[in-house]
Amino acid sequence: MSQAGFVVIAFMLTAYVLLDGYDLGVGTISFLAGRTAHEREAVMEAIGPFWNGNEVWLIAAGGALFALFPKAYASSFSGFYLPFIMVLWLLMIRGIAMELRNHFEGELWHTFWDVGFCASSGLLILLFGVALGNLLRGVPLDKEEYFQGTFAFLLNPYALVVGIFAVVALAQHAAAFLAMRMEGAPAQRSLAFLRRVWWAVLALYLGVSLGTYLVRGLPSSPWLFVVPIVSLGALVAMIPLLHRGRYGAAFGASSLFVASLLVEAAGSLYPYLIPGYPLGSGGMTIFEAAPSPVSLTVALTATIGGTILVLVYGAVATWAMAGKVRVE
């Protein structure tokens, strides 16, 4: 049951990064795609029907972690409390910017909210990437498995590089989405940016792969050697798809690239939810963090049921809101 709980949470977090990842990325590149306030409004409209629903996956994953692995939930808050508060503030700023933007007239107000939308989106991706980098590197835990480091410890070079890679990769993901979703000048600018940023994603992917090897060593499971091949293949496949004008397929390849990275990260962490630092010094496993078998069964059943409902809602919303967004 603990293994099933780990898979469910990994799936929910992957869904969050894939879905909210493209609209966070859209915010990050909004000034690149839209040169005028009217164009940036159209860029926001491209994600308007989806962004609230996409963020449900983050809330659901947090609730699932609390229900399925309460000890890991408590331990993670002991070390990531300040970053979590920063994430909450950035989520609020981002939501306020989107909702209030058109309630204030004037170019200055529109630019003010656009800057808030762009900055909060980029910083959110950076923080999430830094958090993932620290999980892969490991965090110092005491005997009760509570965090013993400092906020400065979390800002180590490896985690920061992972954070930068996350920003660039999701900016590429967002550009692929806008090329597929929009028409007109913002779509063309997104397409041009996508072709340029691809090289940065490739370079950072290779650099982070090397850094992860130095931090964690070789993967312990044979199947983890296959996942990087899938990641690299999906990334390379984007180029011919873009040349052929198959923007929907290119967005699918970008989604596969991002998903395979997260699968590789989850496989590297298993069976740890919070690995200790330095690696090999223990940590909190899924078996230690799980509640009683009865509680775990009830929580897992409710989580799977809720996940199915969210999947159905997301599919219906995507089908209902399909189509191109035009600046006009």
Protein backbone atom coordinates (compact mmCIF):
# COMPACT_ATOMS: atom_id res chain seq x y z
CA MET A 1 0.00 0.00 0.00
CA SER A 2 2.86 2.41 0.75
CA GLN A 3 4.23 1.86 -2.76
CA ALA A 4 0.80 2.65 -4.23
CA GLY A 5 0.65 5.84 -2.17
CA PHE A 6 4.08 6.88 -3.48
CA VAL A 7 2.95 6.28 -7.08
CA VAL A 8 -0.26 8.28 -6.57
CA ILE A 9 1.56 11.29 -5.13
CA ALA A 10 4.21 11.13 -7.86
CA PHE A 11 1.43 11.04 -10.46
CA MET A 12 -0.35 14.04 -8.92
CA LEU A 13 2.83 16.11 -8.76
CA THR A 14 3.69 15.16 -12.35
CA ALA A 15 0.20 16.22 -13.47
CA TYR A 16 0.65 19.51 -11.62
CA VAL A 17 3.99 20.27 -13.24
CA LEU A 18 2.71 19.36 -16.71
CA LEU A 19 -0.48 21.42 -16.44
CA ASP A 20 0.32 24.32 -14.16
CA GLY A 21 3.84 24.22 -15.58
CA TYR A 22 2.74 25.53 -18.96
CA ASP A 23 0.65 28.35 -17.48
CA LEU A 24 3.43 29.31 -15.04
CA GLY A 25 5.73 29.28 -18.04
CA VAL A 26 3.28 31.45 -19.99
CA GLY A 27 3.48 34.01 -17.19
CA THR A 28 7.28 33.85 -17.26
CA ILE A 29 7.49 34.57 -21.00
CA SER A 30 4.42 36.85 -21.19
CA PHE A 31 6.53 39.94 -22.01
CA LEU A 32 8.32 38.01 -24.75
CA ALA A 33 5.11 36.77 -26.36
CA GLY A 34 3.10 39.98 -25.92
CA ARG A 35 4.70 43.33 -26.72
CA THR A 36 1.62 45.43 -25.91
CA ALA A 37 -0.85 45.36 -23.03
CA HIS A 38 -3.54 44.11 -25.42
CA GLU A 39 -1.34 41.24 -26.62
CA ARG A 40 -0.44 40.28 -23.04
CA GLU A 41 -4.15 40.23 -22.25
CA ALA A 42 -4.61 37.74 -25.10
CA VAL A 43 -1.74 35.65 -23.71
CA MET A 44 -3.52 35.53 -20.34
CA GLU A 45 -6.75 34.56 -22.10
CA ALA A 46 -4.93 31.56 -23.59
CA ILE A 47 -4.58 30.04 -20.11
CA GLY A 48 -7.66 31.72 -18.61
CA PRO A 49 -9.97 28.67 -18.69
CA PHE A 50 -7.35 26.33 -17.23
CA TRP A 51 -5.07 27.92 -14.64
CA ASN A 52 -7.42 27.61 -11.66
CA GLY A 53 -8.10 23.96 -12.40
CA ASN A 54 -4.39 23.26 -12.93
CA GLU A 55 -3.55 24.55 -9.45
CA VAL A 56 -5.99 22.04 -7.94
CA TRP A 57 -3.35 19.38 -8.53
CA LEU A 58 -0.94 21.13 -6.14
CA ILE A 59 -3.57 21.42 -3.40
CA ALA A 60 -4.62 17.82 -3.96
CA ALA A 61 -1.01 16.59 -3.81
CA GLY A 62 -0.46 18.44 -0.52
CA GLY A 63 -3.63 16.95 0.93
CA ALA A 64 -2.66 13.48 -0.29
CA LEU A 65 0.80 13.79 1.29
CA PHE A 66 -0.82 14.74 4.62
CA ALA A 67 -3.24 11.80 4.44
CA LEU A 68 -0.91 9.13 3.08
CA PHE A 69 2.41 10.08 4.68
CA PRO A 70 1.71 12.44 7.63
CA LYS A 71 5.22 12.12 9.10
CA ALA A 72 6.79 13.23 5.81
CA TYR A 73 4.33 16.14 5.66
CA ALA A 74 5.40 17.30 9.13
CA SER A 75 9.10 16.80 8.43
CA SER A 76 8.99 18.68 5.13
CA PHE A 77 7.31 21.68 6.75
CA SER A 78 10.05 21.75 9.40
CA GLY A 79 12.64 22.44 6.69
CA PHE A 80 10.69 24.09 3.88
CA TYR A 81 8.40 26.30 5.96
CA LEU A 82 9.83 29.60 4.69
CA PRO A 83 9.85 28.46 1.02
CA PHE A 84 6.25 27.23 1.43
CA ILE A 85 5.18 30.65 2.73
CA MET A 86 6.96 32.29 -0.20
CA VAL A 87 5.13 29.95 -2.58
CA LEU A 88 1.77 30.89 -1.04
CA TRP A 89 2.49 34.62 -1.41
CA LEU A 90 3.59 34.19 -5.01
CA LEU A 91 0.48 32.15 -5.82
CA MET A 92 -1.65 34.91 -4.31
CA ILE A 93 0.16 37.67 -6.23
CA ARG A 94 -0.20 35.73 -9.47
CA GLY A 95 -3.91 35.09 -8.97
CA ILE A 96 -4.59 38.69 -7.95
CA ALA A 97 -2.70 39.99 -10.99
CA MET A 98 -4.81 37.88 -13.34
CA GLU A 99 -8.15 38.65 -11.68
CA LEU A 100 -7.67 42.40 -11.07
CA ARG A 101 -5.83 43.34 -14.25
CA ASN A 102 -8.90 44.35 -16.25
CA HIS A 103 -10.65 45.97 -13.29
CA PHE A 104 -8.18 48.89 -13.47
CA GLU A 105 -8.11 51.11 -16.51
CA GLY A 106 -4.93 52.61 -17.85
CA GLU A 107 -1.70 51.37 -19.39
CA LEU A 108 0.26 51.92 -16.16
CA TRP A 109 -2.03 49.65 -14.11
CA HIS A 110 -2.00 46.99 -16.80
CA THR A 111 1.80 47.02 -16.89
CA PHE A 112 1.94 46.88 -13.07
CA TRP A 113 -0.21 43.72 -12.94
CA ASP A 114 1.59 42.21 -15.93
CA VAL A 115 4.94 42.60 -14.14
CA GLY A 116 3.48 40.97 -11.02
CA PHE A 117 2.12 38.10 -13.10
CA CYS A 118 5.45 37.57 -14.88
CA ALA A 119 7.69 37.86 -11.81
CA SER A 120 5.55 35.67 -9.54
CA SER A 121 5.29 32.97 -12.22
CA GLY A 122 9.04 32.82 -12.80
CA LEU A 123 9.88 32.84 -9.09
CA LEU A 124 7.39 30.04 -8.42
CA ILE A 125 9.08 27.81 -10.98
CA LEU A 126 12.50 28.66 -9.52
CA LEU A 127 11.38 27.79 -5.97
CA PHE A 128 9.81 24.51 -7.05
CA GLY A 129 12.97 23.60 -8.94
CA VAL A 130 15.19 24.44 -5.96
CA ALA A 131 12.97 22.28 -3.73
CA LEU A 132 13.30 19.34 -6.13
CA GLY A 133 17.06 19.85 -6.32
CA ASN A 134 17.32 19.68 -2.54
CA LEU A 135 15.26 16.50 -2.41
CA LEU A 136 17.57 14.87 -4.94
CA ARG A 137 20.63 16.07 -3.03
CA GLY A 138 19.22 15.21 0.39
CA VAL A 139 18.54 17.35 3.44
CA PRO A 140 20.10 17.12 6.93
CA LEU A 141 17.74 15.40 9.39
CA ASP A 142 18.05 14.82 13.14
CA LYS A 143 17.15 11.59 14.98
CA GLU A 144 13.47 12.56 14.96
CA GLU A 145 13.81 13.18 11.19
CA TYR A 146 13.28 16.93 11.36
CA PHE A 147 15.23 19.39 9.22
CA GLN A 148 18.47 20.61 10.81
CA GLY A 149 19.79 22.96 8.15
CA THR A 150 19.17 26.60 7.31
CA PHE A 151 17.47 28.44 4.46
CA ALA A 152 20.92 29.26 3.09
CA PHE A 153 21.67 25.51 2.98
CA LEU A 154 18.76 25.06 0.57
CA LEU A 155 20.31 27.61 -1.83
CA ASN A 156 23.21 25.35 -2.75
CA PRO A 157 24.70 25.43 -6.28
CA TYR A 158 23.17 22.13 -7.42
CA ALA A 159 19.64 23.06 -6.30
CA LEU A 160 19.94 26.51 -7.90
CA VAL A 161 21.02 24.98 -11.23
CA VAL A 162 18.04 22.61 -11.06
CA GLY A 163 15.85 25.64 -10.38
CA ILE A 164 17.23 27.50 -13.40
CA PHE A 165 16.75 24.40 -15.54
CA ALA A 166 13.13 24.22 -14.36
CA VAL A 167 12.54 27.86 -15.39
CA VAL A 168 14.03 27.34 -18.86
CA ALA A 169 12.33 23.96 -19.45
CA LEU A 170 8.89 25.27 -18.47
CA ALA A 171 9.44 28.42 -20.54
CA GLN A 172 9.97 26.09 -23.50
CA HIS A 173 6.87 24.12 -22.48
CA ALA A 174 4.86 27.35 -22.37
CA ALA A 175 6.16 28.53 -25.75
CA ALA A 176 5.06 25.24 -27.30
CA PHE A 177 1.63 25.69 -25.69
CA LEU A 178 1.24 29.26 -27.02
CA ALA A 179 2.36 28.22 -30.51
CA MET A 180 -0.38 25.59 -30.43
CA ARG A 181 -3.06 27.64 -28.67
CA MET A 182 -2.75 31.12 -30.21
CA GLU A 183 -2.71 32.82 -33.57
CA GLY A 184 -1.07 36.05 -34.66
CA ALA A 185 2.04 37.85 -33.45
CA PRO A 186 2.22 36.27 -29.92
CA ALA A 187 2.15 32.78 -31.46
CA GLN A 188 4.93 33.68 -33.93
CA ARG A 189 7.09 35.22 -31.20
CA SER A 190 6.55 32.16 -29.02
CA LEU A 191 7.59 29.93 -31.90
CA ALA A 192 10.75 31.97 -32.53
CA PHE A 193 11.58 31.90 -28.80
CA LEU A 194 10.95 28.15 -28.71
CA ARG A 195 13.52 27.52 -31.42
CA ARG A 196 16.12 29.57 -29.52
CA VAL A 197 15.46 28.33 -26.00
CA TRP A 198 15.62 24.69 -27.14
CA TRP A 199 19.41 24.90 -27.20
CA ALA A 200 19.51 26.27 -23.65
CA VAL A 201 17.24 23.44 -22.48
CA LEU A 202 19.51 20.87 -24.11
CA ALA A 203 22.65 22.36 -22.53
CA LEU A 204 21.08 22.61 -19.07
CA TYR A 205 19.62 19.10 -19.38
CA LEU A 206 23.09 17.67 -20.01
CA GLY A 207 24.59 19.79 -17.22
CA VAL A 208 21.94 18.82 -14.66
CA SER A 209 22.29 15.16 -15.67
CA LEU A 210 26.01 15.35 -14.98
CA GLY A 211 25.41 17.19 -11.69
CA THR A 212 22.85 14.60 -10.61
CA TYR A 213 25.32 11.82 -11.34
CA LEU A 214 27.94 13.58 -9.19
CA VAL A 215 25.41 14.10 -6.38
CA ARG A 216 23.56 10.77 -6.45
CA GLY A 217 25.76 8.40 -8.45
CA LEU A 218 24.45 5.93 -10.99
CA PRO A 219 20.78 4.87 -10.81
CA SER A 220 20.11 1.78 -8.73
CA SER A 221 17.40 0.34 -11.00
CA PRO A 222 18.07 -0.74 -14.60
CA TRP A 223 14.86 0.86 -15.91
CA LEU A 224 16.11 4.27 -14.79
CA PHE A 225 18.72 4.07 -17.54
CA VAL A 226 15.90 3.95 -20.11
CA VAL A 227 14.10 7.11 -18.90
CA PRO A 228 16.89 9.55 -19.91
CA ILE A 229 16.75 8.07 -23.43
CA VAL A 230 13.01 8.85 -23.53
CA SER A 231 13.67 12.39 -22.24
CA LEU A 232 16.36 13.11 -24.80
CA GLY A 233 14.31 11.53 -27.59
CA ALA A 234 11.28 13.68 -26.75
CA LEU A 235 13.41 16.82 -26.66
CA VAL A 236 15.07 16.05 -30.01
CA ALA A 237 11.71 15.16 -31.59
CA MET A 238 10.47 18.72 -31.04
CA ILE A 239 12.72 20.13 -33.78
CA PRO A 240 11.34 18.21 -36.79
CA LEU A 241 7.79 18.61 -35.44
CA LEU A 242 8.20 22.37 -35.32
CA HIS A 243 9.63 22.46 -38.85
CA ARG A 244 6.57 20.56 -40.08
CA GLY A 245 4.20 22.95 -38.32
CA ARG A 246 2.84 20.22 -36.04
CA TYR A 247 2.61 22.43 -32.98
CA GLY A 248 0.20 20.20 -31.08
CA ALA A 249 2.57 17.25 -31.48
CA ALA A 250 5.50 19.47 -30.42
CA PHE A 251 3.61 20.38 -27.24
CA GLY A 252 3.01 16.66 -26.69
CA ALA A 253 6.75 16.00 -27.06
CA SER A 254 7.47 18.79 -24.58
CA SER A 255 4.97 17.21 -22.16
CA LEU A 256 6.68 13.83 -22.53
CA PHE A 257 10.06 15.47 -21.89
CA VAL A 258 8.88 17.13 -18.67
CA ALA A 259 6.99 14.02 -17.48
CA SER A 260 9.99 11.73 -18.06
CA LEU A 261 12.22 14.05 -16.03
CA LEU A 262 9.82 13.79 -13.09
CA VAL A 263 9.52 10.02 -13.46
CA GLU A 264 13.30 9.80 -13.32
CA ALA A 265 13.39 11.99 -10.21
CA ALA A 266 10.71 9.90 -8.47
CA GLY A 267 12.50 6.68 -9.39
CA SER A 268 15.78 8.05 -8.03
CA LEU A 269 14.16 9.02 -4.73
CA TYR A 270 12.26 5.74 -4.13
CA PRO A 271 11.76 4.46 -1.45
CA TYR A 272 12.66 7.77 0.25
CA LEU A 273 10.28 10.67 0.53
CA ILE A 274 12.94 12.81 2.21
CA PRO A 275 16.47 11.45 1.76
CA GLY A 276 19.07 12.44 4.32
CA TYR A 277 22.18 14.51 3.65
CA PRO A 278 24.77 13.37 2.84
CA LEU A 279 23.25 10.60 0.76
CA GLY A 280 23.59 7.24 2.43
CA SER A 281 22.94 8.71 5.88
CA GLY A 282 19.35 7.52 5.93
CA GLY A 283 16.22 9.59 5.61
CA MET A 284 12.48 9.06 5.76
CA THR A 285 11.13 6.22 3.66
CA ILE A 286 7.54 5.63 2.56
CA PHE A 287 7.32 2.74 5.03
CA GLU A 288 8.31 4.89 8.01
CA ALA A 289 6.09 7.83 7.02
CA ALA A 290 2.90 5.84 6.38
CA PRO A 291 0.10 5.67 9.00
CA SER A 292 -1.61 2.46 10.10
CA PRO A 293 -2.70 0.05 7.33
CA VAL A 294 -6.38 0.88 7.88
CA SER A 295 -5.76 4.64 7.71
CA LEU A 296 -3.56 4.22 4.66
CA THR A 297 -6.20 2.14 2.87
CA VAL A 298 -8.98 4.66 3.56
CA ALA A 299 -6.79 7.63 2.57
CA LEU A 300 -5.56 5.91 -0.60
CA THR A 301 -9.11 5.01 -1.68
CA ALA A 302 -10.32 8.59 -1.17
CA THR A 303 -7.25 9.99 -2.96
CA ILE A 304 -7.65 7.76 -6.01
CA GLY A 305 -11.36 8.60 -6.20
CA GLY A 306 -10.65 12.32 -6.03
CA THR A 307 -7.88 12.00 -8.63
CA ILE A 308 -10.28 10.35 -11.07
CA LEU A 309 -12.79 13.18 -10.58
CA VAL A 310 -10.14 15.82 -11.23
CA LEU A 311 -9.01 13.97 -14.37
CA VAL A 312 -12.57 13.87 -15.69
CA TYR A 313 -13.09 17.57 -14.92
CA GLY A 314 -9.80 18.49 -16.61
CA ALA A 315 -10.63 16.48 -19.73
CA VAL A 316 -14.10 18.05 -20.03
CA ALA A 317 -12.75 21.58 -19.47
CA THR A 318 -10.01 21.09 -22.06
CA TRP A 319 -12.51 19.76 -24.62
CA ALA A 320 -15.00 22.56 -23.96
CA MET A 321 -12.37 25.32 -24.18
CA ALA A 322 -10.44 23.98 -27.16
CA GLY A 323 -9.67 26.33 -30.02
CA LYS A 324 -7.36 29.16 -30.98
CA VAL A 325 -7.04 32.46 -29.13
CA ARG A 326 -6.69 35.52 -31.36
CA VAL A 327 -5.41 38.94 -30.33
CA GLU A 328 -8.36 40.59 -32.07
